[in-house]
Protein backbone atom coordinates (compact mmCIF):
# COMPACT_ATOMS: atom_id res chain seq x y z
CA MET A 1 26.63 7.99 51.72
CA ASN A 2 29.52 5.59 50.10
CA THR A 3 31.88 3.42 51.70
CA TYR A 4 34.64 5.90 50.08
CA LEU A 5 33.17 9.21 51.09
CA LYS A 6 33.13 7.85 54.73
CA THR A 7 36.54 6.58 54.24
CA THR A 8 37.53 9.75 53.33
CA LEU A 9 36.11 12.05 55.70
CA ALA A 10 37.15 9.72 58.64
CA LEU A 11 40.84 9.70 57.46
CA GLY A 12 40.18 13.63 56.90
CA GLY A 13 39.06 13.87 60.74
CA LEU A 14 42.11 11.56 61.64
CA VAL A 15 44.66 13.82 59.82
CA LEU A 16 43.14 16.95 61.30
CA ALA A 17 42.72 15.46 65.17
CA ALA A 18 46.44 14.22 65.01
CA THR A 19 47.86 17.78 63.54
CA PRO A 20 50.23 19.24 66.41
CA VAL A 21 49.17 22.27 67.59
CA TYR A 22 52.23 24.77 68.21
CA ALA A 23 52.78 26.80 71.14
CA ALA A 24 53.33 30.32 70.35
CA ASP A 25 57.14 31.36 71.10
CA TYR A 26 57.77 34.92 73.33
CA VAL A 27 60.21 37.31 74.58
CA ILE A 28 59.75 38.30 77.94
CA ASP A 29 60.29 42.01 77.67
CA SER A 30 62.71 42.77 80.34
CA LYS A 31 64.44 45.77 78.45
CA GLY A 32 61.55 47.62 77.60
CA ALA A 33 60.54 47.77 81.74
CA HIS A 34 57.32 45.51 81.13
CA ALA A 35 58.70 42.79 83.36
CA ALA A 36 60.08 42.76 86.55
CA ILE A 37 61.75 40.11 89.04
CA GLU A 38 60.93 41.24 92.90
CA PHE A 39 61.50 39.96 96.24
CA ARG A 40 60.77 40.45 99.97
CA ILE A 41 62.55 39.11 102.85
CA SER A 42 61.55 40.14 106.76
CA HIS A 43 64.06 42.09 108.34
CA LEU A 44 65.06 40.48 112.19
CA GLY A 45 61.30 40.09 111.94
CA ILE A 46 61.22 43.40 112.63
CA GLY A 47 59.69 44.74 108.59
CA TRP A 48 60.55 44.36 105.71
CA VAL A 49 63.55 44.55 102.89
CA SER A 50 62.46 44.61 99.37
CA GLY A 51 64.40 44.73 95.76
CA ARG A 52 64.68 43.73 92.22
CA PHE A 53 66.79 42.20 89.95
CA ASN A 54 67.36 45.27 87.35
CA THR A 55 68.92 42.49 84.07
CA PHE A 56 67.37 39.50 83.47
CA ASP A 57 66.03 37.51 79.93
CA GLY A 58 63.69 35.19 78.85
CA GLN A 59 61.30 33.09 76.97
CA PHE A 60 58.19 31.52 77.07
CA SER A 61 56.14 29.03 74.96
CA TYR A 62 52.52 29.15 75.45
CA ASP A 63 49.29 27.90 73.40
CA ALA A 64 45.91 29.44 75.29
CA GLU A 65 43.82 26.06 73.39
CA GLN A 66 46.47 24.02 75.19
CA PRO A 67 48.36 26.38 78.13
CA ASN A 68 50.09 22.80 80.08
CA ASN A 69 52.20 22.33 77.20
CA SER A 70 53.74 25.76 78.59
CA THR A 71 57.73 25.87 78.86
CA VAL A 72 59.42 28.74 80.22
CA SER A 73 62.96 30.17 80.60
CA VAL A 74 64.11 32.95 82.53
CA ASN A 75 68.29 34.24 83.53
CA ILE A 76 69.11 36.57 86.11
CA ASP A 77 72.10 38.82 86.71
CA THR A 78 72.53 38.15 90.24
CA SER A 79 74.92 41.28 90.32
CA SER A 80 72.11 43.54 89.34
CA VAL A 81 70.53 43.18 92.71
CA ASP A 82 69.24 46.11 94.19
CA SER A 83 67.04 46.94 97.45
CA ASN A 84 67.59 50.50 97.12
CA HIS A 85 70.50 51.11 99.26
CA ALA A 86 73.96 50.95 97.77
CA GLU A 87 75.52 48.98 100.99
CA ARG A 88 73.28 46.98 101.27
CA ASP A 89 73.45 45.80 97.97
CA LYS A 90 77.33 45.10 98.38
CA HIS A 91 76.64 42.56 102.07
CA ILE A 92 73.66 40.96 99.15
CA ARG A 93 76.56 40.30 96.28
CA SER A 94 78.90 39.05 98.92
CA GLY A 95 79.45 35.64 99.58
CA ASP A 96 77.57 35.88 102.98
CA PHE A 97 74.08 35.95 100.55
CA LEU A 98 74.25 35.29 96.53
CA ASP A 99 78.15 35.47 96.48
CA VAL A 100 77.97 37.04 92.37
CA LYS A 101 81.87 36.23 92.02
CA ALA A 102 81.24 32.94 91.94
CA PHE A 103 77.73 32.11 91.23
CA PRO A 104 76.85 35.62 88.67
CA THR A 105 74.09 33.94 87.14
CA ALA A 106 70.50 32.23 88.37
CA LYS A 107 68.39 30.76 86.41
CA PHE A 108 64.84 28.89 86.12
CA VAL A 109 63.15 26.61 83.73
CA SER A 110 60.27 24.88 84.14
CA THR A 111 59.33 21.21 84.21
CA GLN A 112 55.63 21.62 84.02
CA TYR A 113 52.72 24.19 83.86
CA THR A 114 49.76 22.83 85.44
CA ASP A 115 46.16 25.19 84.25
CA ASN A 116 43.81 25.66 86.71
CA GLY A 117 41.00 26.75 84.39
CA ASP A 118 40.25 29.96 85.88
CA GLY A 119 43.13 32.11 84.66
CA SER A 120 45.38 30.47 87.47
CA ALA A 121 48.02 28.20 86.86
CA SER A 122 50.93 26.05 88.38
CA LEU A 123 54.38 26.81 87.29
CA MET A 124 56.96 23.97 88.58
CA GLY A 125 60.69 24.20 87.50
CA ASP A 126 64.04 24.18 88.51
CA LEU A 127 65.55 27.11 89.83
CA THR A 128 69.68 27.32 90.51
CA LEU A 129 70.54 30.02 93.04
CA HIS A 130 73.81 29.97 94.32
CA GLY A 131 75.27 27.19 92.83
CA VAL A 132 72.39 24.83 94.03
CA THR A 133 69.31 23.68 91.47
CA LYS A 134 66.42 23.11 93.73
CA PRO A 135 62.67 22.46 92.76
CA VAL A 136 60.07 25.32 93.03
CA VAL A 137 56.72 25.86 92.15
CA LEU A 138 55.61 29.52 91.10
CA ALA A 139 51.23 30.57 91.79
CA VAL A 140 50.77 32.09 88.15
CA THR A 141 47.78 34.02 87.13
CA LYS A 142 47.52 35.14 83.62
CA GLY A 143 46.71 38.74 82.70
CA GLY A 144 45.53 39.06 79.11
CA GLU A 145 46.75 38.87 75.86
CA GLY A 146 45.95 41.05 72.28
CA LYS A 147 48.20 43.22 69.75
CA ASP A 148 50.40 46.24 70.76
CA PRO A 149 50.25 49.63 69.31
CA TRP A 150 53.44 48.22 67.25
CA GLY A 151 52.11 45.60 65.64
CA GLY A 152 53.30 42.53 68.11
CA PHE A 153 51.23 40.92 70.19
CA ARG A 154 51.63 40.23 73.78
CA VAL A 155 50.26 37.58 76.90
CA GLY A 156 51.43 38.99 80.27
CA PHE A 157 51.62 36.90 83.45
CA GLU A 158 52.69 37.21 87.07
CA GLY A 159 54.29 34.09 89.34
CA SER A 160 54.68 34.09 92.77
CA ALA A 161 56.91 31.50 95.04
CA GLU A 162 58.13 31.09 98.42
CA ILE A 163 61.90 29.57 98.82
CA GLN A 164 63.84 29.12 101.57
CA LEU A 165 67.60 30.40 101.90
CA LYS A 166 68.99 27.31 103.66
CA ASP A 167 67.95 24.80 100.55
CA PHE A 168 70.07 27.08 98.60
CA ASP A 169 73.20 27.13 100.53
CA ILE A 170 72.75 30.50 102.03
CA SER A 171 73.12 30.47 105.45
CA TYR A 172 74.24 33.84 107.44
CA ASN A 173 71.63 34.26 109.65
CA LEU A 174 69.08 36.81 109.97
CA GLY A 175 66.90 34.89 112.81
CA PRO A 176 63.96 32.34 111.71
CA ALA A 177 61.76 35.48 110.00
CA SER A 178 64.13 36.27 107.77
CA GLU A 179 64.92 32.73 105.96
CA THR A 180 62.16 32.41 103.34
CA LEU A 181 62.32 34.68 100.39
CA TYR A 182 59.16 36.02 98.68
CA LEU A 183 59.79 36.12 94.92
CA THR A 184 57.09 37.83 92.14
CA LEU A 185 57.85 37.75 88.54
CA THR A 186 55.87 39.74 86.13
CA VAL A 187 56.51 38.84 82.64
CA GLU A 188 54.82 40.59 79.59
CA GLY A 189 55.96 38.53 76.54
CA VAL A 190 56.35 39.89 72.92
CA ARG A 191 55.45 36.62 70.14
CA GLN A 192 58.28 35.70 68.09
């Protein structure tokens, strides 16, 4: 093989290797009822209160070939909290808990995605809740991906995290068993 051909092949290989792989952008299908943000918290150490946020939106970038480049951003309307009990929801929206008049939005913005190579990952990011921003880590599992019946392409994930209410300046005391809030996010994204 002559020197010119070797040089051309080597340069071509470098160009291909240097070509960036771009992650696909997805919009979370929260309006199509294919996503949920749910929570549960112990009630007085006796039982559980479960609920959800009915209004939220978000987007993420994901590339199955380079998952560690993934990014996520989610906005939550805190007044949309729904624990299936109107009076309790009114209390959760009050200054004792979410104080939705002062803090109408909660937000999560990822800072790092670490793929574990087995369908699970750790998603680190900043959660802003009740006017306080703190780092949180979500344990993530990938559901699947593929074409949908409407000509689009979707990918799904589920993430879970535990947060301490006091870390977000929510100090209403329901006892030590009720200091930890368990969050679960189930998302299906539609590729843009």
